[in-house]
């Protein structure tokens, strides 16, 4: 499992938006977003660049903390 920190989430709607954004990326599965820790975990079925993941999270309205 890989883990990223996410900035800007404040409610369950935020969790759902980030989950949907990450799940839509080809090569990402088993996404789990935790509001309390402001983090998302996921598995890669093939390598996915962090920049691709960060862009999807940004498009959903949040930021990846690197």
Protein backbone atom coordinates (compact mmCIF):
# COMPACT_ATOMS: atom_id res chain seq x y z
CA UNK A 1 0.00 0.00 0.00
CA UNK A 2 1.20 3.47 -0.82
CA UNK A 3 0.20 6.48 1.26
CA UNK A 4 -0.16 10.19 0.52
CA UNK A 5 -1.09 13.08 2.79
CA UNK A 6 -3.92 15.32 1.61
CA UNK A 7 -4.56 18.92 2.64
CA UNK A 8 -7.95 20.61 2.56
CA UNK A 9 -10.37 17.83 3.48
CA UNK A 10 -12.92 18.74 6.16
CA UNK A 11 -15.90 16.38 5.80
CA UNK A 12 -17.14 13.06 4.47
CA UNK A 13 -17.97 14.68 1.12
CA UNK A 14 -14.26 15.55 0.79
CA UNK A 15 -13.34 11.92 1.49
CA UNK A 16 -15.74 10.72 -1.21
CA UNK A 17 -14.43 13.26 -3.74
CA UNK A 18 -10.80 12.22 -3.19
CA UNK A 19 -11.72 8.53 -3.24
CA UNK A 20 -13.52 8.99 -6.57
CA UNK A 21 -10.63 11.00 -8.05
CA UNK A 22 -8.01 8.43 -7.08
CA UNK A 23 -10.15 5.45 -8.09
CA UNK A 24 -10.54 6.92 -11.59
CA UNK A 25 -6.78 6.72 -12.24
CA UNK A 26 -5.75 3.75 -14.37
CA UNK A 27 -3.47 1.57 -12.25
CA UNK A 28 -4.89 2.60 -8.85
CA UNK A 29 -7.18 0.37 -6.81
CA UNK A 30 -8.22 -0.37 -3.21
CA UNK A 31 -8.36 3.34 -2.34
CA UNK A 32 -8.99 4.23 1.29
CA UNK A 33 -9.20 7.87 2.40
CA UNK A 34 -9.10 8.75 6.10
CA UNK A 35 -10.33 12.19 7.16
CA UNK A 36 -8.84 12.01 10.69
CA UNK A 37 -5.29 11.41 9.45
CA UNK A 38 -5.77 13.49 6.26
CA UNK A 39 -4.28 10.66 4.24
CA UNK A 40 -5.13 8.24 1.45
CA UNK A 41 -3.79 4.75 0.93
CA UNK A 42 -3.99 2.80 -2.30
CA UNK A 43 -2.47 -0.06 -4.27
CA UNK A 44 -0.90 0.29 -7.69
CA UNK A 45 -1.51 -2.40 -10.30
CA UNK A 46 1.11 -0.65 -12.44
CA UNK A 47 3.44 2.28 -11.69
CA UNK A 48 1.66 5.65 -11.47
CA UNK A 49 3.64 8.89 -11.19
CA UNK A 50 2.99 10.97 -8.07
CA UNK A 51 2.41 13.96 -10.37
CA UNK A 52 -0.57 12.14 -11.95
CA UNK A 53 -2.00 11.37 -8.51
CA UNK A 54 -1.41 14.93 -7.26
CA UNK A 55 -3.11 16.39 -10.35
CA UNK A 56 -6.21 14.20 -9.85
CA UNK A 57 -6.41 15.28 -6.19
CA UNK A 58 -5.97 18.95 -7.20
CA UNK A 59 -8.76 18.67 -9.78
CA UNK A 60 -11.00 17.37 -6.98
CA UNK A 61 -10.21 20.53 -5.01
CA UNK A 62 -7.52 19.37 -2.57
CA UNK A 63 -3.72 19.28 -2.35
CA UNK A 64 -1.20 16.49 -1.91
CA UNK A 65 1.36 17.29 0.78
CA UNK A 66 4.75 16.12 -0.48
